[in-house]
Amino acid sequence: MKEALLVIDPQVDYLSYGKYPLWNIDTTLKNIETAIRRALKNEVPVILTQHVAQPEEHSRNYPFIAGTDGVELVGEVLDLIENPIILTKEFRNAFFQTTLEEVLTNLQITNLIVAGMMTHSCIIATITSGTAQKYNISVISDCCTSMTEEIHLNALEQIKDLKNVDLIKLSEF
């Protein structure tokens, strides 16, 4: 069984000074950095997604607009990976209209470990997609975050109830 670590949207607009700051973002990013280091040490591929919104489709106040600083991946995360696999996405589900499935197939991945932003949205949309059902999925709870602690914890409860997804802690990865 071959694993990959999928880190969803570790982007500048989610930082405390970004357009869409998330709860507990600094701790979450430190945990994600630890998960990436562990993955790389064990030769587990790391895949990053980057949500990109087109300026002609959204107002200037919208996060992740192409060409803005906020759309960029967080440098501390990106700098950990020598040759990062970065997939651009326009929707919550990281499989939808991206090459994620192709990348996982080419790498012969069977186990997908998921971390990243918007537990209640992008994480859940990705892990419950039809394509995700092909993989054994684990979500690292302390490597995810949402807009508020309550939203994050409610999303984790939903994930806990999913039959085909394991909810794990960073210490278990």
C-alpha atoms as a PDB file:
ATOM      1  CA  MET A   1       0.000   0.000   0.000  1.00  0.00           C
ATOM      2  CA  LYS A   2       1.479   3.297  -1.105  1.00  0.00           C
ATOM      3  CA  GLU A   3       0.645   6.599   0.581  1.00  0.00           C
ATOM      4  CA  ALA A   4       0.551  10.235  -0.472  1.00  0.00           C
ATOM      5  CA  LEU A   5      -0.002  13.344   1.620  1.00  0.00           C
ATOM      6  CA  LEU A   6      -2.476  15.795   0.093  1.00  0.00           C
ATOM      7  CA  VAL A   7      -2.292  19.308   1.553  1.00  0.00           C
ATOM      8  CA  ILE A   8      -5.272  21.367   0.477  1.00  0.00           C
ATOM      9  CA  ASP A   9      -4.801  25.084  -0.192  1.00  0.00           C
ATOM     10  CA  PRO A  10      -2.060  26.250   2.208  1.00  0.00           C
ATOM     11  CA  GLN A  11      -2.376  29.792   0.861  1.00  0.00           C
ATOM     12  CA  VAL A  12      -1.509  33.304   2.006  1.00  0.00           C
ATOM     13  CA  ASP A  13      -5.119  34.562   1.989  1.00  0.00           C
ATOM     14  CA  TYR A  14      -5.851  32.157   4.868  1.00  0.00           C
ATOM     15  CA  LEU A  15      -3.169  33.732   7.095  1.00  0.00           C
ATOM     16  CA  SER A  16      -4.089  36.158   9.888  1.00  0.00           C
ATOM     17  CA  TYR A  17      -3.424  39.143   7.590  1.00  0.00           C
ATOM     18  CA  GLY A  18      -5.014  37.565   4.499  1.00  0.00           C
ATOM     19  CA  LYS A  19      -8.431  38.174   2.977  1.00  0.00           C
ATOM     20  CA  TYR A  20      -9.923  35.054   4.593  1.00  0.00           C
ATOM     21  CA  PRO A  21      -8.084  34.338   7.873  1.00  0.00           C
ATOM     22  CA  LEU A  22      -8.780  30.977   9.474  1.00  0.00           C
ATOM     23  CA  TRP A  23      -8.978  29.954  13.113  1.00  0.00           C
ATOM     24  CA  ASN A  24      -5.750  28.550  14.608  1.00  0.00           C
ATOM     25  CA  ILE A  25      -3.926  29.043  11.314  1.00  0.00           C
ATOM     26  CA  ASP A  26      -0.405  29.392  12.737  1.00  0.00           C
ATOM     27  CA  THR A  27      -0.587  26.156  14.743  1.00  0.00           C
ATOM     28  CA  THR A  28      -2.244  24.337  11.860  1.00  0.00           C
ATOM     29  CA  LEU A  29       0.507  25.401   9.455  1.00  0.00           C
ATOM     30  CA  LYS A  30       3.227  24.312  11.903  1.00  0.00           C
ATOM     31  CA  ASN A  31       1.502  20.921  12.150  1.00  0.00           C
ATOM     32  CA  ILE A  32       1.252  20.693   8.362  1.00  0.00           C
ATOM     33  CA  GLU A  33       4.959  21.479   8.101  1.00  0.00           C
ATOM     34  CA  THR A  34       5.674  18.639  10.554  1.00  0.00           C
ATOM     35  CA  ALA A  35       3.481  16.267   8.524  1.00  0.00           C
ATOM     36  CA  ILE A  36       5.305  17.245   5.325  1.00  0.00           C
ATOM     37  CA  ARG A  37       8.704  16.656   6.940  1.00  0.00           C
ATOM     38  CA  ARG A  38       7.567  13.212   8.138  1.00  0.00           C
ATOM     39  CA  ALA A  39       6.162  12.349   4.727  1.00  0.00           C
ATOM     40  CA  LEU A  40       9.333  13.362   2.923  1.00  0.00           C
ATOM     41  CA  LYS A  41      11.521  11.497   5.430  1.00  0.00           C
ATOM     42  CA  ASN A  42       9.511   8.351   4.652  1.00  0.00           C
ATOM     43  CA  GLU A  43       9.529   9.016   0.891  1.00  0.00           C
ATOM     44  CA  VAL A  44       5.787   9.686   0.857  1.00  0.00           C
ATOM     45  CA  PRO A  45       4.888  12.029  -2.014  1.00  0.00           C
ATOM     46  CA  VAL A  46       3.403  15.385  -1.009  1.00  0.00           C
ATOM     47  CA  ILE A  47       0.779  16.983  -3.238  1.00  0.00           C
ATOM     48  CA  LEU A  48      -0.341  20.578  -2.733  1.00  0.00           C
ATOM     49  CA  THR A  49      -3.493  22.147  -4.100  1.00  0.00           C
ATOM     50  CA  GLN A  50      -3.839  25.836  -4.815  1.00  0.00           C
ATOM     51  CA  HIS A  51      -7.262  27.410  -5.179  1.00  0.00           C
ATOM     52  CA  VAL A  52      -7.166  30.047  -7.916  1.00  0.00           C
ATOM     53  CA  ALA A  53     -10.075  32.384  -8.658  1.00  0.00           C
ATOM     54  CA  GLN A  54     -10.216  34.247 -11.940  1.00  0.00           C
ATOM     55  CA  PRO A  55     -10.367  38.056 -11.566  1.00  0.00           C
ATOM     56  CA  GLU A  56     -13.040  38.456 -14.219  1.00  0.00           C
ATOM     57  CA  GLU A  57     -15.365  36.145 -12.240  1.00  0.00           C
ATOM     58  CA  HIS A  58     -14.957  37.682  -8.754  1.00  0.00           C
ATOM     59  CA  SER A  59     -14.702  41.050  -7.017  1.00  0.00           C
ATOM     60  CA  ARG A  60     -11.326  42.397  -5.889  1.00  0.00           C
ATOM     61  CA  ASN A  61     -12.191  41.524  -2.272  1.00  0.00           C
ATOM     62  CA  TYR A  62     -12.554  37.832  -3.091  1.00  0.00           C
ATOM     63  CA  PRO A  63      -9.656  35.660  -1.864  1.00  0.00           C
ATOM     64  CA  PHE A  64      -7.282  33.691  -4.085  1.00  0.00           C
ATOM     65  CA  ILE A  65      -7.519  35.948  -7.130  1.00  0.00           C
ATOM     66  CA  ALA A  66      -4.968  34.946  -9.758  1.00  0.00           C
ATOM     67  CA  GLY A  67      -1.988  37.289  -9.747  1.00  0.00           C
ATOM     68  CA  THR A  68      -2.445  38.498  -6.144  1.00  0.00           C
ATOM     69  CA  ASP A  69      -0.175  37.767  -3.186  1.00  0.00           C
ATOM     70  CA  GLY A  70      -3.046  35.985  -1.427  1.00  0.00           C
ATOM     71  CA  VAL A  71      -3.278  33.227  -4.012  1.00  0.00           C
ATOM     72  CA  GLU A  72       0.326  32.196  -3.370  1.00  0.00           C
ATOM     73  CA  LEU A  73       1.195  29.087  -1.387  1.00  0.00           C
ATOM     74  CA  VAL A  74       2.651  29.781   2.054  1.00  0.00           C
ATOM     75  CA  GLY A  75       6.425  29.991   1.656  1.00  0.00           C
ATOM     76  CA  GLU A  76       7.258  27.961   4.768  1.00  0.00           C
ATOM     77  CA  VAL A  77       5.242  25.052   3.379  1.00  0.00           C
ATOM     78  CA  LEU A  78       6.484  25.346  -0.182  1.00  0.00           C
ATOM     79  CA  ASP A  79      10.123  25.658   0.865  1.00  0.00           C
ATOM     80  CA  LEU A  80      10.042  22.212   2.504  1.00  0.00           C
ATOM     81  CA  ILE A  81       9.495  20.415  -0.798  1.00  0.00           C
ATOM     82  CA  GLU A  82      12.265  20.291  -3.393  1.00  0.00           C
ATOM     83  CA  ASN A  83      10.086  19.522  -6.419  1.00  0.00           C
ATOM     84  CA  PRO A  84       6.516  20.107  -5.284  1.00  0.00           C
ATOM     85  CA  ILE A  85       3.529  18.629  -7.050  1.00  0.00           C
ATOM     86  CA  ILE A  86       1.121  21.572  -7.196  1.00  0.00           C
ATOM     87  CA  LEU A  87      -2.380  21.208  -8.588  1.00  0.00           C
ATOM     88  CA  THR A  88      -4.465  24.275  -9.349  1.00  0.00           C
ATOM     89  CA  LYS A  89      -8.156  24.027  -8.563  1.00  0.00           C
ATOM     90  CA  GLU A  90     -11.184  26.271  -8.942  1.00  0.00           C
ATOM     91  CA  PHE A  91     -13.640  24.274  -6.852  1.00  0.00           C
ATOM     92  CA  ARG A  92     -13.807  22.886  -3.298  1.00  0.00           C
ATOM     93  CA  ASN A  93     -13.300  19.263  -4.350  1.00  0.00           C
ATOM     94  CA  ALA A  94      -9.615  18.716  -5.153  1.00  0.00           C
ATOM     95  CA  PHE A  95     -10.540  15.952  -7.614  1.00  0.00           C
ATOM     96  CA  PHE A  96     -13.022  18.036  -9.646  1.00  0.00           C
ATOM     97  CA  GLN A  97     -11.535  19.328 -12.903  1.00  0.00           C
ATOM     98  CA  THR A  98      -7.947  18.728 -11.740  1.00  0.00           C
ATOM     99  CA  THR A  99      -5.323  16.099 -12.487  1.00  0.00           C
ATOM    100  CA  LEU A 100      -5.298  14.755  -8.911  1.00  0.00           C
ATOM    101  CA  GLU A 101      -6.669  11.340  -9.855  1.00  0.00           C
ATOM    102  CA  GLU A 102      -4.133  11.033 -12.691  1.00  0.00           C
ATOM    103  CA  VAL A 103      -1.262  12.002 -10.368  1.00  0.00           C
ATOM    104  CA  LEU A 104      -2.366   9.460  -7.744  1.00  0.00           C
ATOM    105  CA  THR A 105      -2.726   6.749 -10.391  1.00  0.00           C
ATOM    106  CA  ASN A 106       0.723   7.476 -11.837  1.00  0.00           C
ATOM    107  CA  LEU A 107       2.222   7.291  -8.335  1.00  0.00           C
ATOM    108  CA  GLN A 108       0.255   4.065  -7.650  1.00  0.00           C
ATOM    109  CA  ILE A 109      -1.269   5.572  -4.511  1.00  0.00           C
ATOM    110  CA  THR A 110      -3.778   3.521  -2.528  1.00  0.00           C
ATOM    111  CA  ASN A 111      -3.768   5.482   0.754  1.00  0.00           C
ATOM    112  CA  LEU A 112      -4.465   9.204   0.715  1.00  0.00           C
ATOM    113  CA  ILE A 113      -3.634  11.223   3.825  1.00  0.00           C
ATOM    114  CA  VAL A 114      -5.398  14.602   3.808  1.00  0.00           C
ATOM    115  CA  ALA A 115      -4.572  17.878   5.561  1.00  0.00           C
ATOM    116  CA  GLY A 116      -5.248  21.520   4.842  1.00  0.00           C
ATOM    117  CA  MET A 117      -7.678  24.371   4.899  1.00  0.00           C
ATOM    118  CA  MET A 118     -11.434  24.603   5.253  1.00  0.00           C
ATOM    119  CA  THR A 119     -12.231  21.342   7.032  1.00  0.00           C
ATOM    120  CA  HIS A 120     -15.966  21.942   6.568  1.00  0.00           C
ATOM    121  CA  SER A 121     -15.667  22.733   2.874  1.00  0.00           C
ATOM    122  CA  CYS A 122     -12.641  21.726   0.800  1.00  0.00           C
ATOM    123  CA  ILE A 123     -11.604  18.791   3.003  1.00  0.00           C
ATOM    124  CA  ILE A 124     -15.095  17.277   3.211  1.00  0.00           C
ATOM    125  CA  ALA A 125     -15.846  17.939  -0.483  1.00  0.00           C
ATOM    126  CA  THR A 126     -12.634  16.167  -1.471  1.00  0.00           C
ATOM    127  CA  ILE A 127     -12.876  13.131   0.807  1.00  0.00           C
ATOM    128  CA  THR A 128     -16.552  12.476   0.029  1.00  0.00           C
ATOM    129  CA  SER A 129     -16.247  12.805  -3.743  1.00  0.00           C
ATOM    130  CA  GLY A 130     -16.942   9.775  -5.864  1.00  0.00           C
ATOM    131  CA  THR A 131     -13.327   9.647  -7.012  1.00  0.00           C
ATOM    132  CA  ALA A 132     -12.060   9.609  -3.418  1.00  0.00           C
ATOM    133  CA  GLN A 133     -13.862   6.325  -2.818  1.00  0.00           C
ATOM    134  CA  LYS A 134     -11.075   4.559  -4.739  1.00  0.00           C
ATOM    135  CA  TYR A 135      -8.615   5.302  -1.923  1.00  0.00           C
ATOM    136  CA  ASN A 136      -8.147   4.502   1.733  1.00  0.00           C
ATOM    137  CA  ILE A 137      -8.445   7.978   3.212  1.00  0.00           C
ATOM    138  CA  SER A 138      -7.204   9.414   6.483  1.00  0.00           C
ATOM    139  CA  VAL A 139      -7.651  13.017   7.598  1.00  0.00           C
ATOM    140  CA  ILE A 140      -5.122  14.457  10.052  1.00  0.00           C
ATOM    141  CA  SER A 141      -7.431  16.398  12.377  1.00  0.00           C
ATOM    142  CA  ASP A 142      -4.809  18.735  13.828  1.00  0.00           C
ATOM    143  CA  CYS A 143      -3.483  19.542  10.351  1.00  0.00           C
ATOM    144  CA  CYS A 144      -6.809  21.060   9.278  1.00  0.00           C
ATOM    145  CA  THR A 145      -8.700  24.223  10.173  1.00  0.00           C
ATOM    146  CA  SER A 146     -11.791  26.275   9.333  1.00  0.00           C
ATOM    147  CA  MET A 147     -13.135  29.774   9.855  1.00  0.00           C
ATOM    148  CA  THR A 148     -13.893  29.139  13.535  1.00  0.00           C
ATOM    149  CA  GLU A 149     -13.144  26.432  16.072  1.00  0.00           C
ATOM    150  CA  GLU A 150     -16.821  25.473  16.206  1.00  0.00           C
ATOM    151  CA  ILE A 151     -17.057  25.015  12.441  1.00  0.00           C
ATOM    152  CA  HIS A 152     -13.838  22.987  12.453  1.00  0.00           C
ATOM    153  CA  LEU A 153     -14.994  20.717  15.306  1.00  0.00           C
ATOM    154  CA  ASN A 154     -18.405  20.196  13.688  1.00  0.00           C
ATOM    155  CA  ALA A 155     -16.687  19.199  10.451  1.00  0.00           C
ATOM    156  CA  LEU A 156     -14.477  16.717  12.325  1.00  0.00           C
ATOM    157  CA  GLU A 157     -17.625  15.156  13.824  1.00  0.00           C
ATOM    158  CA  GLN A 158     -19.014  14.732  10.303  1.00  0.00           C
ATOM    159  CA  ILE A 159     -15.756  13.148   9.167  1.00  0.00           C
ATOM    160  CA  LYS A 160     -15.788  10.805  12.168  1.00  0.00           C
ATOM    161  CA  ASP A 161     -19.166   9.494  11.002  1.00  0.00           C
ATOM    162  CA  LEU A 162     -17.901   8.594   7.520  1.00  0.00           C
ATOM    163  CA  LYS A 163     -17.452   4.849   7.122  1.00  0.00           C
ATOM    164  CA  ASN A 164     -14.593   4.973   4.620  1.00  0.00           C
ATOM    165  CA  VAL A 165     -12.441   7.691   6.240  1.00  0.00           C
ATOM    166  CA  ASP A 166     -10.148   7.479   9.265  1.00  0.00           C
ATOM    167  CA  LEU A 167      -9.670  10.533  11.440  1.00  0.00           C
ATOM    168  CA  ILE A 168      -6.158  10.555  12.876  1.00  0.00           C
ATOM    169  CA  LYS A 169      -3.896  12.891  14.850  1.00  0.00           C
ATOM    170  CA  LEU A 170      -0.527  14.160  13.663  1.00  0.00           C
ATOM    171  CA  SER A 171       1.117  11.951  16.290  1.00  0.00           C
ATOM    172  CA  GLU A 172      -0.314   8.902  14.458  1.00  0.00           C
ATOM    173  CA  PHE A 173       1.087   9.903  11.065  1.00  0.00           C
END
